[in-house]
């Protein structure tokens, strides 16, 4: 039923407490399996835990969706603002020079041709170092294959692509970068707009860690409740 498909179900029974019956209850979708006589305080605690877990899950999903929507809107708006300006002499372009985001132009050979100063402040490399070799060499080995795949799509003429990867900084640390790029086929150039999204990634990882801790607490509470039920019985 659509109206109740996400409602947690607690089985309350006096029929049997064998492992087969308990496993059968969980396999049918129950979140808990309680034997009578029921201790009201225990039952209320269990229900409260599952309600709180559901609220947290819904909130995390809602925040994740809002965050993705906001990022997408920002990327689309700023890419639209920067494309026309980057086609001019970017070194003289005040927007290009003063932008807090990572702006650049790369050739189809993967080597940067022009960069704004933000690259150095984020990754720590001087502009000359970033131009010495293809930018794939600054990407972590674990993310290079996926990045190369996106690069090939851009070279084939795909309009605008957004992807995320990790880059190695000059001091050995790692930063998460969100990339948006558009190819200019006539001159075999890629116009790049990127952003340091490390703080967002760390925040999402923290939320996942908190959720894991909450699940662990629920497990521990269930074990304690089972011991209490056994003692009460």
C-alpha atoms as a PDB file:
ATOM      1  CA  UNK A   1       0.000   0.000   0.000  1.00  0.00           C
ATOM      2  CA  UNK A   2       1.435   3.347  -1.036  1.00  0.00           C
ATOM      3  CA  UNK A   3       0.191   5.027   2.132  1.00  0.00           C
ATOM      4  CA  UNK A   4       2.066   2.675   4.441  1.00  0.00           C
ATOM      5  CA  UNK A   5       4.909   1.195   2.384  1.00  0.00           C
ATOM      6  CA  UNK A   6       7.511   3.068   4.436  1.00  0.00           C
ATOM      7  CA  UNK A   7       5.912   2.458   7.843  1.00  0.00           C
ATOM      8  CA  UNK A   8       8.160   0.354  10.108  1.00  0.00           C
ATOM      9  CA  UNK A   9       6.435  -2.849  11.301  1.00  0.00           C
ATOM     10  CA  UNK A  10       7.039  -4.430  14.718  1.00  0.00           C
ATOM     11  CA  UNK A  11       5.733  -7.975  15.099  1.00  0.00           C
ATOM     12  CA  UNK A  12       4.141  -8.634  18.504  1.00  0.00           C
ATOM     13  CA  UNK A  13       3.452 -12.323  19.038  1.00  0.00           C
ATOM     14  CA  UNK A  14       2.984 -15.075  21.613  1.00  0.00           C
ATOM     15  CA  UNK A  15       3.059 -17.914  19.087  1.00  0.00           C
ATOM     16  CA  UNK A  16       6.702 -18.858  18.846  1.00  0.00           C
ATOM     17  CA  UNK A  17      10.170 -17.523  19.572  1.00  0.00           C
ATOM     18  CA  UNK A  18      12.216 -19.990  17.501  1.00  0.00           C
ATOM     19  CA  UNK A  19      14.893 -18.715  15.153  1.00  0.00           C
ATOM     20  CA  UNK A  20      12.835 -19.814  12.145  1.00  0.00           C
ATOM     21  CA  UNK A  21       9.843 -17.740  13.181  1.00  0.00           C
ATOM     22  CA  UNK A  22      11.988 -14.726  14.074  1.00  0.00           C
ATOM     23  CA  UNK A  23      13.864 -14.942  10.760  1.00  0.00           C
ATOM     24  CA  UNK A  24      10.565 -15.333   8.928  1.00  0.00           C
ATOM     25  CA  UNK A  25       9.282 -12.145  10.576  1.00  0.00           C
ATOM     26  CA  UNK A  26      12.359 -10.131   9.604  1.00  0.00           C
ATOM     27  CA  UNK A  27      12.326 -11.519   6.055  1.00  0.00           C
ATOM     28  CA  UNK A  28       8.774 -10.232   5.612  1.00  0.00           C
ATOM     29  CA  UNK A  29       9.981  -6.710   6.346  1.00  0.00           C
ATOM     30  CA  UNK A  30       9.628  -6.352  10.110  1.00  0.00           C
ATOM     31  CA  UNK A  31      12.035  -4.038  11.885  1.00  0.00           C
ATOM     32  CA  UNK A  32      11.562  -5.844  15.211  1.00  0.00           C
ATOM     33  CA  UNK A  33      10.045  -9.027  16.677  1.00  0.00           C
ATOM     34  CA  UNK A  34       8.622  -8.762  20.192  1.00  0.00           C
ATOM     35  CA  UNK A  35       7.243 -11.570  22.316  1.00  0.00           C
ATOM     36  CA  UNK A  36       4.430 -11.073  24.786  1.00  0.00           C
ATOM     37  CA  UNK A  37       3.995 -10.050  27.487  1.00  0.00           C
ATOM     38  CA  UNK A  38       4.896  -6.627  26.151  1.00  0.00           C
ATOM     39  CA  UNK A  39       6.583  -4.099  28.434  1.00  0.00           C
ATOM     40  CA  UNK A  40       4.955  -0.761  27.487  1.00  0.00           C
ATOM     41  CA  UNK A  41       8.084   1.296  28.198  1.00  0.00           C
ATOM     42  CA  UNK A  42      10.196  -1.007  26.045  1.00  0.00           C
ATOM     43  CA  UNK A  43       7.698  -0.892  23.193  1.00  0.00           C
ATOM     44  CA  UNK A  44       7.483   2.897  23.359  1.00  0.00           C
ATOM     45  CA  UNK A  45      11.272   3.138  23.326  1.00  0.00           C
ATOM     46  CA  UNK A  46      11.535   0.896  20.281  1.00  0.00           C
ATOM     47  CA  UNK A  47       8.893   2.870  18.391  1.00  0.00           C
ATOM     48  CA  UNK A  48      10.564   6.162  19.316  1.00  0.00           C
ATOM     49  CA  UNK A  49      13.916   4.921  18.011  1.00  0.00           C
ATOM     50  CA  UNK A  50      12.496   3.880  14.646  1.00  0.00           C
ATOM     51  CA  UNK A  51      10.546   7.126  14.307  1.00  0.00           C
ATOM     52  CA  UNK A  52      13.678   9.142  15.054  1.00  0.00           C
ATOM     53  CA  UNK A  53      15.708   7.078  12.577  1.00  0.00           C
ATOM     54  CA  UNK A  54      13.076   7.667   9.900  1.00  0.00           C
ATOM     55  CA  UNK A  55      13.099  11.416  10.581  1.00  0.00           C
ATOM     56  CA  UNK A  56      16.899  11.524  10.355  1.00  0.00           C
ATOM     57  CA  UNK A  57      16.866   9.553   7.107  1.00  0.00           C
ATOM     58  CA  UNK A  58      14.248  11.834   5.550  1.00  0.00           C
ATOM     59  CA  UNK A  59      16.172  14.929   6.676  1.00  0.00           C
ATOM     60  CA  UNK A  60      19.463  13.653   5.249  1.00  0.00           C
ATOM     61  CA  UNK A  61      17.791  12.871   1.916  1.00  0.00           C
ATOM     62  CA  UNK A  62      16.128  16.280   1.841  1.00  0.00           C
ATOM     63  CA  UNK A  63      19.385  18.083   2.622  1.00  0.00           C
ATOM     64  CA  UNK A  64      21.229  16.027   0.018  1.00  0.00           C
ATOM     65  CA  UNK A  65      18.661  16.875  -2.656  1.00  0.00           C
ATOM     66  CA  UNK A  66      18.732  20.575  -1.757  1.00  0.00           C
ATOM     67  CA  UNK A  67      22.516  20.575  -1.809  1.00  0.00           C
ATOM     68  CA  UNK A  68      22.647  18.919  -5.236  1.00  0.00           C
ATOM     69  CA  UNK A  69      20.049  21.318  -6.613  1.00  0.00           C
ATOM     70  CA  UNK A  70      21.909  24.341  -5.243  1.00  0.00           C
ATOM     71  CA  UNK A  71      25.238  23.123  -6.627  1.00  0.00           C
ATOM     72  CA  UNK A  72      23.711  22.456 -10.020  1.00  0.00           C
ATOM     73  CA  UNK A  73      22.108  25.917 -10.176  1.00  0.00           C
ATOM     74  CA  UNK A  74      25.362  27.591  -9.137  1.00  0.00           C
ATOM     75  CA  UNK A  75      27.403  25.658 -11.708  1.00  0.00           C
ATOM     76  CA  UNK A  76      24.980  26.411 -14.519  1.00  0.00           C
ATOM     77  CA  UNK A  77      24.790  30.093 -13.650  1.00  0.00           C
ATOM     78  CA  UNK A  78      28.515  30.618 -13.251  1.00  0.00           C
ATOM     79  CA  UNK A  79      29.400  28.601 -16.329  1.00  0.00           C
ATOM     80  CA  UNK A  80      27.005  30.746 -18.368  1.00  0.00           C
ATOM     81  CA  UNK A  81      28.601  33.890 -16.916  1.00  0.00           C
ATOM     82  CA  UNK A  82      32.157  32.784 -17.553  1.00  0.00           C
ATOM     83  CA  UNK A  83      31.969  31.227 -21.033  1.00  0.00           C
ATOM     84  CA  UNK A  84      31.718  34.467 -22.997  1.00  0.00           C
ATOM     85  CA  UNK A  85      34.398  36.161 -20.926  1.00  0.00           C
ATOM     86  CA  UNK A  86      36.879  33.305 -21.198  1.00  0.00           C
ATOM     87  CA  UNK A  87      36.802  33.520 -25.002  1.00  0.00           C
ATOM     88  CA  UNK A  88      38.462  36.944 -24.749  1.00  0.00           C
ATOM     89  CA  UNK A  89      41.971  37.610 -23.497  1.00  0.00           C
ATOM     90  CA  UNK A  90      41.515  35.929 -20.106  1.00  0.00           C
ATOM     91  CA  UNK A  91      44.658  37.344 -18.589  1.00  0.00           C
ATOM     92  CA  UNK A  92      43.188  40.818 -18.911  1.00  0.00           C
ATOM     93  CA  UNK A  93      39.745  39.781 -17.834  1.00  0.00           C
ATOM     94  CA  UNK A  94      39.048  40.951 -14.294  1.00  0.00           C
ATOM     95  CA  UNK A  95      36.432  38.266 -13.730  1.00  0.00           C
ATOM     96  CA  UNK A  96      38.894  35.551 -14.754  1.00  0.00           C
ATOM     97  CA  UNK A  97      41.683  36.902 -12.564  1.00  0.00           C
ATOM     98  CA  UNK A  98      39.664  37.658  -9.420  1.00  0.00           C
ATOM     99  CA  UNK A  99      37.246  34.714  -9.464  1.00  0.00           C
ATOM    100  CA  UNK A 100      37.330  32.571  -6.338  1.00  0.00           C
ATOM    101  CA  UNK A 101      36.493  29.544  -8.478  1.00  0.00           C
ATOM    102  CA  UNK A 102      38.938  27.565 -10.598  1.00  0.00           C
ATOM    103  CA  UNK A 103      38.801  28.825 -14.190  1.00  0.00           C
ATOM    104  CA  UNK A 104      41.021  27.712 -17.023  1.00  0.00           C
ATOM    105  CA  UNK A 105      41.477  26.748 -20.648  1.00  0.00           C
ATOM    106  CA  UNK A 106      43.048  23.447 -21.661  1.00  0.00           C
ATOM    107  CA  UNK A 107      43.878  21.940 -25.011  1.00  0.00           C
ATOM    108  CA  UNK A 108      42.632  18.588 -26.255  1.00  0.00           C
ATOM    109  CA  UNK A 109      46.064  17.235 -25.280  1.00  0.00           C
ATOM    110  CA  UNK A 110      45.037  17.723 -21.636  1.00  0.00           C
ATOM    111  CA  UNK A 111      47.558  20.484 -20.898  1.00  0.00           C
ATOM    112  CA  UNK A 112      46.436  23.765 -19.352  1.00  0.00           C
ATOM    113  CA  UNK A 113      46.972  26.825 -21.504  1.00  0.00           C
ATOM    114  CA  UNK A 114      45.601  29.497 -19.199  1.00  0.00           C
ATOM    115  CA  UNK A 115      44.660  29.445 -15.509  1.00  0.00           C
ATOM    116  CA  UNK A 116      43.430  31.932 -12.972  1.00  0.00           C
ATOM    117  CA  UNK A 117      45.314  32.406  -9.641  1.00  0.00           C
ATOM    118  CA  UNK A 118      42.802  30.334  -7.658  1.00  0.00           C
ATOM    119  CA  UNK A 119      44.407  27.121  -8.908  1.00  0.00           C
ATOM    120  CA  UNK A 120      47.595  27.931  -7.057  1.00  0.00           C
ATOM    121  CA  UNK A 121      45.766  28.857  -3.842  1.00  0.00           C
ATOM    122  CA  UNK A 122      43.756  25.594  -3.897  1.00  0.00           C
ATOM    123  CA  UNK A 123      46.343  23.053  -5.096  1.00  0.00           C
ATOM    124  CA  UNK A 124      49.544  24.845  -4.098  1.00  0.00           C
ATOM    125  CA  UNK A 125      51.267  24.501  -7.491  1.00  0.00           C
ATOM    126  CA  UNK A 126      52.601  27.492  -9.369  1.00  0.00           C
ATOM    127  CA  UNK A 127      50.976  28.229 -12.715  1.00  0.00           C
ATOM    128  CA  UNK A 128      54.109  27.094 -14.539  1.00  0.00           C
ATOM    129  CA  UNK A 129      54.017  23.712 -12.756  1.00  0.00           C
ATOM    130  CA  UNK A 130      50.379  23.167 -13.678  1.00  0.00           C
ATOM    131  CA  UNK A 131      51.166  23.868 -17.319  1.00  0.00           C
ATOM    132  CA  UNK A 132      54.135  21.497 -17.510  1.00  0.00           C
ATOM    133  CA  UNK A 133      52.139  18.263 -17.861  1.00  0.00           C
ATOM    134  CA  UNK A 134      48.602  17.001 -18.564  1.00  0.00           C
ATOM    135  CA  UNK A 135      46.192  17.733 -15.758  1.00  0.00           C
ATOM    136  CA  UNK A 136      45.417  14.015 -15.407  1.00  0.00           C
ATOM    137  CA  UNK A 137      48.765  13.665 -13.658  1.00  0.00           C
ATOM    138  CA  UNK A 138      47.482  15.856 -10.830  1.00  0.00           C
ATOM    139  CA  UNK A 139      44.458  13.570 -10.353  1.00  0.00           C
ATOM    140  CA  UNK A 140      44.666  10.742  -7.827  1.00  0.00           C
ATOM    141  CA  UNK A 141      45.419   7.392  -9.532  1.00  0.00           C
ATOM    142  CA  UNK A 142      42.129   5.943  -8.259  1.00  0.00           C
ATOM    143  CA  UNK A 143      40.146   8.636 -10.109  1.00  0.00           C
ATOM    144  CA  UNK A 144      42.152   8.924 -13.335  1.00  0.00           C
ATOM    145  CA  UNK A 145      40.239   6.326 -15.364  1.00  0.00           C
ATOM    146  CA  UNK A 146      36.899   7.975 -14.606  1.00  0.00           C
ATOM    147  CA  UNK A 147      38.333  11.438 -15.314  1.00  0.00           C
ATOM    148  CA  UNK A 148      39.873  10.273 -18.589  1.00  0.00           C
ATOM    149  CA  UNK A 149      36.487   8.903 -19.659  1.00  0.00           C
ATOM    150  CA  UNK A 150      34.874  12.315 -19.092  1.00  0.00           C
ATOM    151  CA  UNK A 151      37.746  13.971 -20.967  1.00  0.00           C
ATOM    152  CA  UNK A 152      37.175  11.747 -24.002  1.00  0.00           C
ATOM    153  CA  UNK A 153      33.479  12.618 -24.003  1.00  0.00           C
ATOM    154  CA  UNK A 154      34.328  16.315 -24.059  1.00  0.00           C
ATOM    155  CA  UNK A 155      36.782  15.839 -26.918  1.00  0.00           C
ATOM    156  CA  UNK A 156      34.048  14.116 -28.910  1.00  0.00           C
ATOM    157  CA  UNK A 157      31.895  17.252 -28.670  1.00  0.00           C
ATOM    158  CA  UNK A 158      29.672  16.577 -25.662  1.00  0.00           C
ATOM    159  CA  UNK A 159      28.333  19.957 -24.573  1.00  0.00           C
ATOM    160  CA  UNK A 160      28.739  20.415 -20.835  1.00  0.00           C
ATOM    161  CA  UNK A 161      29.793  17.732 -18.368  1.00  0.00           C
ATOM    162  CA  UNK A 162      29.973  17.812 -14.561  1.00  0.00           C
ATOM    163  CA  UNK A 163      32.039  15.332 -12.605  1.00  0.00           C
ATOM    164  CA  UNK A 164      33.988  15.116  -9.361  1.00  0.00           C
ATOM    165  CA  UNK A 165      37.430  13.764  -8.572  1.00  0.00           C
ATOM    166  CA  UNK A 166      40.290  14.076  -6.120  1.00  0.00           C
ATOM    167  CA  UNK A 167      43.456  16.002  -6.909  1.00  0.00           C
ATOM    168  CA  UNK A 168      46.822  15.827  -5.199  1.00  0.00           C
ATOM    169  CA  UNK A 169      48.069  19.115  -3.752  1.00  0.00           C
ATOM    170  CA  UNK A 170      51.687  20.187  -3.731  1.00  0.00           C
ATOM    171  CA  UNK A 171      51.961  19.494   0.015  1.00  0.00           C
ATOM    172  CA  UNK A 172      50.722  15.905  -0.462  1.00  0.00           C
ATOM    173  CA  UNK A 173      47.164  16.493   0.741  1.00  0.00           C
ATOM    174  CA  UNK A 174      44.033  15.771  -1.310  1.00  0.00           C
ATOM    175  CA  UNK A 175      41.231  18.061  -2.434  1.00  0.00           C
ATOM    176  CA  UNK A 176      37.875  17.174  -3.973  1.00  0.00           C
ATOM    177  CA  UNK A 177      37.210  19.173  -7.148  1.00  0.00           C
ATOM    178  CA  UNK A 178      33.898  19.511  -8.979  1.00  0.00           C
ATOM    179  CA  UNK A 179      34.451  20.073 -12.703  1.00  0.00           C
ATOM    180  CA  UNK A 180      32.270  21.580 -15.398  1.00  0.00           C
ATOM    181  CA  UNK A 181      33.728  21.911 -18.894  1.00  0.00           C
ATOM    182  CA  UNK A 182      32.590  22.841 -22.394  1.00  0.00           C
ATOM    183  CA  UNK A 183      34.528  22.003 -25.565  1.00  0.00           C
ATOM    184  CA  UNK A 184      35.271  24.539 -28.303  1.00  0.00           C
ATOM    185  CA  UNK A 185      35.746  22.181 -31.223  1.00  0.00           C
ATOM    186  CA  UNK A 186      36.981  24.769 -33.747  1.00  0.00           C
ATOM    187  CA  UNK A 187      40.142  25.426 -31.731  1.00  0.00           C
ATOM    188  CA  UNK A 188      40.277  22.100 -29.846  1.00  0.00           C
ATOM    189  CA  UNK A 189      40.012  23.808 -26.479  1.00  0.00           C
ATOM    190  CA  UNK A 190      38.212  23.013 -23.242  1.00  0.00           C
ATOM    191  CA  UNK A 191      36.773  25.861 -21.195  1.00  0.00           C
ATOM    192  CA  UNK A 192      36.870  24.739 -17.575  1.00  0.00           C
ATOM    193  CA  UNK A 193      34.964  25.874 -14.537  1.00  0.00           C
ATOM    194  CA  UNK A 194      35.848  24.012 -11.324  1.00  0.00           C
ATOM    195  CA  UNK A 195      35.236  24.373  -7.636  1.00  0.00           C
ATOM    196  CA  UNK A 196      36.825  23.094  -4.446  1.00  0.00           C
ATOM    197  CA  UNK A 197      34.044  20.926  -2.926  1.00  0.00           C
ATOM    198  CA  UNK A 198      36.133  19.320  -0.195  1.00  0.00           C
ATOM    199  CA  UNK A 199      34.104  20.855   2.631  1.00  0.00           C
ATOM    200  CA  UNK A 200      30.855  19.561   1.138  1.00  0.00           C
ATOM    201  CA  UNK A 201      32.270  16.046   0.718  1.00  0.00           C
ATOM    202  CA  UNK A 202      33.587  16.047   4.292  1.00  0.00           C
ATOM    203  CA  UNK A 203      30.163  17.215   5.548  1.00  0.00           C
ATOM    204  CA  UNK A 204      28.401  14.419   3.659  1.00  0.00           C
ATOM    205  CA  UNK A 205      30.853  11.869   5.044  1.00  0.00           C
ATOM    206  CA  UNK A 206      30.203  13.228   8.533  1.00  0.00           C
ATOM    207  CA  UNK A 207      26.450  12.790   8.042  1.00  0.00           C
ATOM    208  CA  UNK A 208      26.978   9.200   6.887  1.00  0.00           C
ATOM    209  CA  UNK A 209      29.157   8.585   9.941  1.00  0.00           C
ATOM    210  CA  UNK A 210      26.462   9.973  12.230  1.00  0.00           C
ATOM    211  CA  UNK A 211      23.872   7.743  10.581  1.00  0.00           C
ATOM    212  CA  UNK A 212      26.124   4.737  11.101  1.00  0.00           C
ATOM    213  CA  UNK A 213      26.542   5.660  14.756  1.00  0.00           C
ATOM    214  CA  UNK A 214      22.775   5.979  15.105  1.00  0.00           C
ATOM    215  CA  UNK A 215      22.270   2.531  13.592  1.00  0.00           C
ATOM    216  CA  UNK A 216      24.873   1.122  15.981  1.00  0.00           C
ATOM    217  CA  UNK A 217      23.068   2.702  18.914  1.00  0.00           C
ATOM    218  CA  UNK A 218      19.794   1.195  17.717  1.00  0.00           C
ATOM    219  CA  UNK A 219      21.435  -2.223  17.511  1.00  0.00           C
ATOM    220  CA  UNK A 220      22.797  -1.866  21.030  1.00  0.00           C
ATOM    221  CA  UNK A 221      19.400  -0.697  22.271  1.00  0.00           C
ATOM    222  CA  UNK A 222      17.713  -3.686  20.637  1.00  0.00           C
ATOM    223  CA  UNK A 223      20.160  -6.031  22.350  1.00  0.00           C
ATOM    224  CA  UNK A 224      19.523  -4.356  25.685  1.00  0.00           C
ATOM    225  CA  UNK A 225      15.769  -4.567  25.119  1.00  0.00           C
ATOM    226  CA  UNK A 226      16.032  -8.256  24.278  1.00  0.00           C
ATOM    227  CA  UNK A 227      17.924  -8.859  27.507  1.00  0.00           C
ATOM    228  CA  UNK A 228      15.283  -6.897  29.384  1.00  0.00           C
ATOM    229  CA  UNK A 229      12.496  -8.874  27.729  1.00  0.00           C
ATOM    230  CA  UNK A 230      14.210 -12.148  28.617  1.00  0.00           C
ATOM    231  CA  UNK A 231      14.630 -10.995  32.214  1.00  0.00           C
ATOM    232  CA  UNK A 232      10.984  -9.829  32.382  1.00  0.00           C
ATOM    233  CA  UNK A 233       9.788 -13.132  30.913  1.00  0.00           C
END
